[in-house]
Amino acid sequence: MYAITGKSPASVDYYDSAVVSFAGGGSGVLSGAATLPKGRPVQIDLRVFGSEGMLLLDIERERLELRRRDGKDEVVALKPGDGAYACDEPLRVLVDLCLGRKTHNGAPGIVGQRAVEVLDAMYRSADSGRTEST
């Protein structure tokens, strides 16, 4: 992974960009920003390209599409509000789990572990100016 970050005056990362090489030969590009204007909805724009086509998820515009090379496309009809995302829900679930409360955890622990590994490599790369491994 190779990453750069743009920092605030308090040295908090405002902007992050990373290029990732996966073990299976794939590659990815990640970016994020913490400077969304107040009152704007959370934005997630995910695009996955593969040998059979592409998957597009955009929660701001509330669309989910599978565009296939063989023409067998699928477009999921989303209603207004389907793209709403509560950023505090994952934190609530984590707190509930830590406190031993009964809660629905929709993500297995390995997902969190991999996310932390990617973030660690990203921050190490931004600090070192070099490619870093997870």
N, C-alpha and C. Protein backbone atom coordinates (compact mmCIF):
# COMPACT_ATOMS: atom_id res chain seq x y z
N MET A 1 0.84 -1.16 0.00
CA MET A 1 0.00 0.00 0.00
C MET A 1 0.89 1.23 0.00
N TYR A 2 0.47 2.21 -0.80
CA TYR A 2 1.12 3.51 -0.77
C TYR A 2 0.04 4.54 -0.49
N ALA A 3 0.29 5.44 0.45
CA ALA A 3 -0.74 6.39 0.86
C ALA A 3 -0.17 7.77 1.12
N ILE A 4 -1.03 8.75 0.95
CA ILE A 4 -0.73 10.12 1.36
C ILE A 4 -1.93 10.65 2.14
N THR A 5 -1.65 11.57 3.06
CA THR A 5 -2.72 12.19 3.83
C THR A 5 -2.53 13.69 3.84
N GLY A 6 -3.63 14.39 3.93
CA GLY A 6 -3.61 15.84 4.12
C GLY A 6 -4.07 16.11 5.53
N LYS A 7 -3.27 16.83 6.28
CA LYS A 7 -3.56 17.00 7.72
C LYS A 7 -4.07 18.40 8.05
N SER A 8 -4.86 18.45 9.10
CA SER A 8 -5.38 19.70 9.63
C SER A 8 -4.29 20.40 10.45
N PRO A 9 -4.52 21.65 10.87
CA PRO A 9 -3.54 22.32 11.73
C PRO A 9 -3.26 21.56 13.04
N ALA A 10 -4.23 20.73 13.48
CA ALA A 10 -4.05 19.93 14.70
C ALA A 10 -3.44 18.56 14.38
N SER A 11 -3.01 18.35 13.11
CA SER A 11 -2.37 17.13 12.66
C SER A 11 -3.33 15.93 12.58
N VAL A 12 -4.61 16.22 12.43
CA VAL A 12 -5.60 15.18 12.19
C VAL A 12 -5.75 15.02 10.69
N ASP A 13 -5.87 13.77 10.21
CA ASP A 13 -5.98 13.59 8.77
C ASP A 13 -7.35 14.05 8.27
N TYR A 14 -7.31 15.04 7.40
CA TYR A 14 -8.51 15.53 6.72
C TYR A 14 -8.79 14.72 5.47
N TYR A 15 -7.73 14.37 4.75
CA TYR A 15 -7.84 13.68 3.46
C TYR A 15 -6.89 12.51 3.43
N ASP A 16 -7.37 11.39 2.91
CA ASP A 16 -6.54 10.19 2.78
C ASP A 16 -6.71 9.64 1.37
N SER A 17 -5.61 9.19 0.79
CA SER A 17 -5.63 8.52 -0.51
C SER A 17 -4.63 7.37 -0.46
N ALA A 18 -5.01 6.22 -1.02
CA ALA A 18 -4.12 5.07 -1.00
C ALA A 18 -4.31 4.22 -2.25
N VAL A 19 -3.22 3.65 -2.69
CA VAL A 19 -3.21 2.66 -3.76
C VAL A 19 -2.83 1.34 -3.12
N VAL A 20 -3.63 0.30 -3.37
CA VAL A 20 -3.46 -0.98 -2.70
C VAL A 20 -3.23 -2.08 -3.74
N SER A 21 -2.25 -2.94 -3.49
CA SER A 21 -2.02 -4.14 -4.30
C SER A 21 -2.45 -5.34 -3.47
N PHE A 22 -3.31 -6.18 -4.03
CA PHE A 22 -3.81 -7.35 -3.32
C PHE A 22 -3.00 -8.59 -3.69
N ALA A 23 -2.96 -9.55 -2.78
CA ALA A 23 -2.17 -10.76 -2.97
C ALA A 23 -2.56 -11.52 -4.23
N GLY A 24 -3.82 -11.50 -4.61
CA GLY A 24 -4.28 -12.23 -5.78
C GLY A 24 -4.02 -11.53 -7.10
N GLY A 25 -3.37 -10.36 -7.06
CA GLY A 25 -3.04 -9.64 -8.28
C GLY A 25 -3.92 -8.45 -8.56
N GLY A 26 -4.99 -8.28 -7.81
CA GLY A 26 -5.87 -7.14 -8.01
C GLY A 26 -5.28 -5.87 -7.42
N SER A 27 -5.89 -4.75 -7.75
CA SER A 27 -5.46 -3.48 -7.19
C SER A 27 -6.68 -2.67 -6.79
N GLY A 28 -6.48 -1.70 -5.94
CA GLY A 28 -7.57 -0.86 -5.48
C GLY A 28 -7.10 0.54 -5.19
N VAL A 29 -8.04 1.46 -5.20
CA VAL A 29 -7.79 2.85 -4.85
C VAL A 29 -8.80 3.23 -3.79
N LEU A 30 -8.31 3.80 -2.69
CA LEU A 30 -9.17 4.23 -1.59
C LEU A 30 -8.97 5.71 -1.37
N SER A 31 -10.03 6.41 -1.06
CA SER A 31 -9.87 7.81 -0.67
C SER A 31 -10.99 8.19 0.29
N GLY A 32 -10.72 9.18 1.08
CA GLY A 32 -11.72 9.66 2.04
C GLY A 32 -11.41 11.07 2.47
N ALA A 33 -12.43 11.74 2.97
CA ALA A 33 -12.27 13.11 3.44
C ALA A 33 -13.15 13.33 4.67
N ALA A 34 -12.64 14.09 5.59
CA ALA A 34 -13.38 14.41 6.81
C ALA A 34 -13.94 15.82 6.77
N THR A 35 -14.00 16.41 5.60
CA THR A 35 -14.38 17.82 5.50
C THR A 35 -15.69 18.03 4.76
N LEU A 36 -16.60 17.08 4.85
CA LEU A 36 -17.90 17.22 4.23
C LEU A 36 -18.63 18.41 4.87
N PRO A 37 -19.20 19.29 4.07
CA PRO A 37 -19.91 20.43 4.66
C PRO A 37 -21.04 19.98 5.59
N LYS A 38 -21.27 20.75 6.64
CA LYS A 38 -22.33 20.43 7.59
C LYS A 38 -23.67 20.30 6.87
N GLY A 39 -24.44 19.33 7.32
CA GLY A 39 -25.77 19.12 6.75
C GLY A 39 -25.78 18.24 5.52
N ARG A 40 -24.63 17.87 5.01
CA ARG A 40 -24.57 17.00 3.83
C ARG A 40 -24.60 15.55 4.29
N PRO A 41 -25.24 14.67 3.53
CA PRO A 41 -25.29 13.26 3.95
C PRO A 41 -23.93 12.58 3.78
N VAL A 42 -23.75 11.51 4.52
CA VAL A 42 -22.55 10.69 4.38
C VAL A 42 -22.46 10.22 2.93
N GLN A 43 -21.26 10.18 2.41
CA GLN A 43 -21.07 9.74 1.03
C GLN A 43 -20.21 8.49 1.01
N ILE A 44 -20.73 7.48 0.36
CA ILE A 44 -19.96 6.28 0.08
C ILE A 44 -20.18 5.98 -1.39
N ASP A 45 -19.11 5.89 -2.12
CA ASP A 45 -19.15 5.58 -3.55
C ASP A 45 -18.20 4.42 -3.76
N LEU A 46 -18.75 3.25 -3.99
CA LEU A 46 -17.96 2.04 -4.13
C LEU A 46 -18.11 1.50 -5.54
N ARG A 47 -17.00 1.26 -6.19
CA ARG A 47 -17.01 0.68 -7.53
C ARG A 47 -16.02 -0.48 -7.54
N VAL A 48 -16.50 -1.62 -7.95
CA VAL A 48 -15.67 -2.81 -8.03
C VAL A 48 -15.71 -3.29 -9.48
N PHE A 49 -14.53 -3.39 -10.08
CA PHE A 49 -14.41 -3.82 -11.48
C PHE A 49 -13.78 -5.19 -11.51
N GLY A 50 -14.32 -6.08 -12.32
CA GLY A 50 -13.77 -7.42 -12.43
C GLY A 50 -13.92 -7.96 -13.84
N SER A 51 -13.55 -9.20 -13.99
CA SER A 51 -13.56 -9.82 -15.31
C SER A 51 -14.97 -9.97 -15.88
N GLU A 52 -15.99 -9.99 -15.03
CA GLU A 52 -17.36 -10.18 -15.50
C GLU A 52 -18.16 -8.89 -15.57
N GLY A 53 -17.59 -7.79 -15.10
CA GLY A 53 -18.32 -6.53 -15.14
C GLY A 53 -17.96 -5.64 -13.97
N MET A 54 -18.95 -4.86 -13.52
CA MET A 54 -18.71 -3.95 -12.41
C MET A 54 -19.91 -3.86 -11.48
N LEU A 55 -19.62 -3.54 -10.22
CA LEU A 55 -20.63 -3.31 -9.20
C LEU A 55 -20.51 -1.86 -8.79
N LEU A 56 -21.61 -1.15 -8.70
CA LEU A 56 -21.62 0.25 -8.31
C LEU A 56 -22.59 0.45 -7.15
N LEU A 57 -22.10 1.03 -6.08
CA LEU A 57 -22.93 1.41 -4.94
C LEU A 57 -22.63 2.86 -4.62
N ASP A 58 -23.66 3.69 -4.63
CA ASP A 58 -23.52 5.11 -4.32
C ASP A 58 -24.67 5.47 -3.39
N ILE A 59 -24.38 5.64 -2.09
CA ILE A 59 -25.47 5.86 -1.15
C ILE A 59 -26.00 7.29 -1.18
N GLU A 60 -25.20 8.24 -1.64
CA GLU A 60 -25.71 9.62 -1.72
C GLU A 60 -26.80 9.72 -2.79
N ARG A 61 -26.55 9.10 -3.93
CA ARG A 61 -27.53 9.13 -5.03
C ARG A 61 -28.48 7.94 -4.97
N GLU A 62 -28.28 7.09 -3.97
CA GLU A 62 -29.12 5.94 -3.71
C GLU A 62 -29.30 5.06 -4.95
N ARG A 63 -28.17 4.49 -5.38
CA ARG A 63 -28.24 3.56 -6.51
C ARG A 63 -27.30 2.38 -6.27
N LEU A 64 -27.76 1.24 -6.74
CA LEU A 64 -27.01 -0.01 -6.67
C LEU A 64 -27.20 -0.71 -8.00
N GLU A 65 -26.09 -0.92 -8.71
CA GLU A 65 -26.16 -1.51 -10.04
C GLU A 65 -25.08 -2.56 -10.22
N LEU A 66 -25.44 -3.62 -10.90
CA LEU A 66 -24.49 -4.63 -11.35
C LEU A 66 -24.51 -4.55 -12.87
N ARG A 67 -23.42 -4.14 -13.47
CA ARG A 67 -23.31 -4.00 -14.92
C ARG A 67 -22.37 -5.09 -15.43
N ARG A 68 -22.95 -6.03 -16.16
CA ARG A 68 -22.21 -7.23 -16.57
C ARG A 68 -21.79 -7.16 -18.03
N ARG A 69 -20.66 -7.78 -18.32
CA ARG A 69 -20.17 -7.85 -19.70
C ARG A 69 -21.11 -8.64 -20.61
N ASP A 70 -21.81 -9.63 -20.03
CA ASP A 70 -22.72 -10.45 -20.84
C ASP A 70 -24.08 -9.78 -21.05
N GLY A 71 -24.23 -8.55 -20.53
CA GLY A 71 -25.47 -7.81 -20.71
C GLY A 71 -26.56 -8.13 -19.71
N LYS A 72 -26.34 -9.08 -18.82
CA LYS A 72 -27.36 -9.44 -17.82
C LYS A 72 -27.25 -8.51 -16.61
N ASP A 73 -27.46 -7.23 -16.86
CA ASP A 73 -27.34 -6.21 -15.81
C ASP A 73 -28.47 -6.34 -14.79
N GLU A 74 -28.19 -5.88 -13.60
CA GLU A 74 -29.20 -5.82 -12.55
C GLU A 74 -29.13 -4.44 -11.92
N VAL A 75 -30.27 -3.80 -11.81
CA VAL A 75 -30.36 -2.51 -11.13
C VAL A 75 -31.34 -2.69 -9.99
N VAL A 76 -30.88 -2.45 -8.78
CA VAL A 76 -31.73 -2.59 -7.60
C VAL A 76 -32.48 -1.29 -7.39
N ALA A 77 -33.80 -1.36 -7.36
CA ALA A 77 -34.62 -0.17 -7.14
C ALA A 77 -34.53 0.24 -5.67
N LEU A 78 -34.01 1.42 -5.42
CA LEU A 78 -33.90 1.92 -4.06
C LEU A 78 -34.91 3.05 -3.86
N LYS A 79 -35.47 3.08 -2.66
CA LYS A 79 -36.42 4.13 -2.31
C LYS A 79 -35.67 5.28 -1.64
N PRO A 80 -36.25 6.48 -1.68
CA PRO A 80 -35.63 7.59 -0.95
C PRO A 80 -35.41 7.20 0.52
N GLY A 81 -34.21 7.44 0.99
CA GLY A 81 -33.85 7.10 2.36
C GLY A 81 -33.10 5.79 2.48
N ASP A 82 -33.12 4.95 1.43
CA ASP A 82 -32.39 3.68 1.49
C ASP A 82 -30.88 3.89 1.62
N GLY A 83 -30.38 5.03 1.18
CA GLY A 83 -28.95 5.30 1.28
C GLY A 83 -28.53 5.95 2.59
N ALA A 84 -29.49 6.19 3.47
CA ALA A 84 -29.16 6.83 4.75
C ALA A 84 -28.21 5.94 5.55
N TYR A 85 -27.23 6.56 6.16
CA TYR A 85 -26.23 5.83 6.93
C TYR A 85 -25.99 6.54 8.24
N ALA A 86 -26.17 5.81 9.33
CA ALA A 86 -25.94 6.36 10.66
C ALA A 86 -24.51 5.99 11.09
N CYS A 87 -23.62 6.98 11.07
CA CYS A 87 -22.21 6.72 11.38
C CYS A 87 -21.99 6.26 12.82
N ASP A 88 -22.94 6.54 13.69
CA ASP A 88 -22.75 6.19 15.09
C ASP A 88 -23.17 4.75 15.40
N GLU A 89 -23.87 4.09 14.49
CA GLU A 89 -24.33 2.72 14.76
C GLU A 89 -23.18 1.74 14.99
N PRO A 90 -22.12 1.73 14.15
CA PRO A 90 -21.01 0.80 14.43
C PRO A 90 -20.38 1.04 15.81
N LEU A 91 -20.29 2.29 16.22
CA LEU A 91 -19.74 2.60 17.53
C LEU A 91 -20.64 2.07 18.64
N ARG A 92 -21.95 2.24 18.48
CA ARG A 92 -22.90 1.71 19.48
C ARG A 92 -22.78 0.20 19.61
N VAL A 93 -22.67 -0.49 18.48
CA VAL A 93 -22.53 -1.95 18.51
C VAL A 93 -21.24 -2.34 19.23
N LEU A 94 -20.14 -1.65 18.93
CA LEU A 94 -18.87 -1.95 19.60
C LEU A 94 -18.98 -1.75 21.10
N VAL A 95 -19.57 -0.66 21.53
CA VAL A 95 -19.73 -0.39 22.97
C VAL A 95 -20.60 -1.48 23.59
N ASP A 96 -21.70 -1.83 22.94
CA ASP A 96 -22.56 -2.89 23.47
C ASP A 96 -21.81 -4.21 23.59
N LEU A 97 -21.02 -4.56 22.58
CA LEU A 97 -20.24 -5.79 22.63
C LEU A 97 -19.24 -5.76 23.79
N CYS A 98 -18.56 -4.62 23.95
CA CYS A 98 -17.57 -4.49 25.02
C CYS A 98 -18.21 -4.59 26.40
N LEU A 99 -19.44 -4.10 26.51
CA LEU A 99 -20.15 -4.13 27.79
C LEU A 99 -20.92 -5.44 28.00
N GLY A 100 -20.82 -6.35 27.04
CA GLY A 100 -21.49 -7.64 27.17
C GLY A 100 -22.98 -7.59 26.93
N ARG A 101 -23.46 -6.51 26.33
CA ARG A 101 -24.88 -6.40 26.03
C ARG A 101 -25.24 -7.21 24.79
N LYS A 102 -26.49 -7.67 24.76
CA LYS A 102 -26.97 -8.40 23.59
C LYS A 102 -27.21 -7.39 22.47
N THR A 103 -26.59 -7.64 21.30
CA THR A 103 -26.73 -6.75 20.16
C THR A 103 -26.49 -7.54 18.89
N HIS A 104 -26.90 -6.99 17.78
CA HIS A 104 -26.64 -7.64 16.49
C HIS A 104 -25.33 -7.09 15.93
N ASN A 105 -24.36 -7.97 15.76
CA ASN A 105 -23.08 -7.60 15.18
C ASN A 105 -23.05 -8.14 13.75
N GLY A 106 -23.28 -7.26 12.77
CA GLY A 106 -23.34 -7.69 11.38
C GLY A 106 -22.00 -7.92 10.73
N ALA A 107 -20.91 -7.70 11.45
CA ALA A 107 -19.57 -7.87 10.87
C ALA A 107 -18.75 -8.81 11.74
N PRO A 108 -18.25 -9.90 11.16
CA PRO A 108 -17.39 -10.78 11.95
C PRO A 108 -16.09 -10.08 12.32
N GLY A 109 -15.44 -10.54 13.35
CA GLY A 109 -14.21 -9.91 13.85
C GLY A 109 -13.12 -9.76 12.80
N ILE A 110 -13.06 -10.68 11.85
CA ILE A 110 -12.02 -10.63 10.83
C ILE A 110 -12.15 -9.37 9.97
N VAL A 111 -13.37 -8.89 9.79
CA VAL A 111 -13.58 -7.66 9.00
C VAL A 111 -12.94 -6.48 9.73
N GLY A 112 -13.16 -6.38 11.03
CA GLY A 112 -12.54 -5.32 11.81
C GLY A 112 -11.03 -5.43 11.83
N GLN A 113 -10.53 -6.66 11.97
CA GLN A 113 -9.08 -6.88 11.98
C GLN A 113 -8.47 -6.41 10.67
N ARG A 114 -9.05 -6.79 9.55
CA ARG A 114 -8.51 -6.40 8.24
C ARG A 114 -8.59 -4.89 8.05
N ALA A 115 -9.67 -4.27 8.51
CA ALA A 115 -9.79 -2.81 8.40
C ALA A 115 -8.68 -2.12 9.18
N VAL A 116 -8.39 -2.60 10.39
CA VAL A 116 -7.32 -2.01 11.20
C VAL A 116 -5.97 -2.23 10.52
N GLU A 117 -5.75 -3.40 9.94
CA GLU A 117 -4.48 -3.67 9.25
C GLU A 117 -4.28 -2.72 8.06
N VAL A 118 -5.35 -2.48 7.31
CA VAL A 118 -5.26 -1.57 6.16
C VAL A 118 -4.99 -0.14 6.64
N LEU A 119 -5.70 0.29 7.67
CA LEU A 119 -5.48 1.65 8.19
C LEU A 119 -4.06 1.80 8.74
N ASP A 120 -3.58 0.78 9.44
CA ASP A 120 -2.22 0.83 9.97
C ASP A 120 -1.20 0.98 8.85
N ALA A 121 -1.33 0.17 7.81
CA ALA A 121 -0.40 0.26 6.67
C ALA A 121 -0.53 1.62 5.97
N MET A 122 -1.75 2.12 5.88
CA MET A 122 -1.97 3.42 5.24
C MET A 122 -1.25 4.53 6.01
N TYR A 123 -1.42 4.56 7.32
CA TYR A 123 -0.78 5.61 8.12
C TYR A 123 0.74 5.45 8.13
N ARG A 124 1.22 4.21 8.18
CA ARG A 124 2.67 4.00 8.12
C ARG A 124 3.24 4.49 6.79
N SER A 125 2.54 4.21 5.69
CA SER A 125 2.99 4.65 4.38
C SER A 125 2.98 6.17 4.27
N ALA A 126 1.92 6.80 4.78
CA ALA A 126 1.85 8.26 4.72
C ALA A 126 3.01 8.87 5.52
N ASP A 127 3.37 8.28 6.65
CA ASP A 127 4.47 8.79 7.47
C ASP A 127 5.83 8.53 6.82
N SER A 128 6.01 7.33 6.24
CA SER A 128 7.31 6.96 5.71
C SER A 128 7.54 7.45 4.27
N GLY A 129 6.45 7.69 3.54
CA GLY A 129 6.59 8.07 2.13
C GLY A 129 6.94 6.88 1.25
N ARG A 130 6.81 5.67 1.79
CA ARG A 130 7.16 4.45 1.07
C ARG A 130 5.94 3.50 1.04
N THR A 131 6.04 2.50 0.20
CA THR A 131 5.06 1.42 0.19
C THR A 131 5.20 0.61 1.46
N GLU A 132 4.08 0.27 2.08
CA GLU A 132 4.09 -0.53 3.30
C GLU A 132 3.16 -1.72 3.13
N SER A 133 3.46 -2.81 3.83
CA SER A 133 2.64 -4.03 3.79
C SER A 133 1.72 -4.09 4.99
N THR A 134 0.61 -4.80 4.83
CA THR A 134 -0.31 -5.01 5.96
C THR A 134 0.23 -6.10 6.85
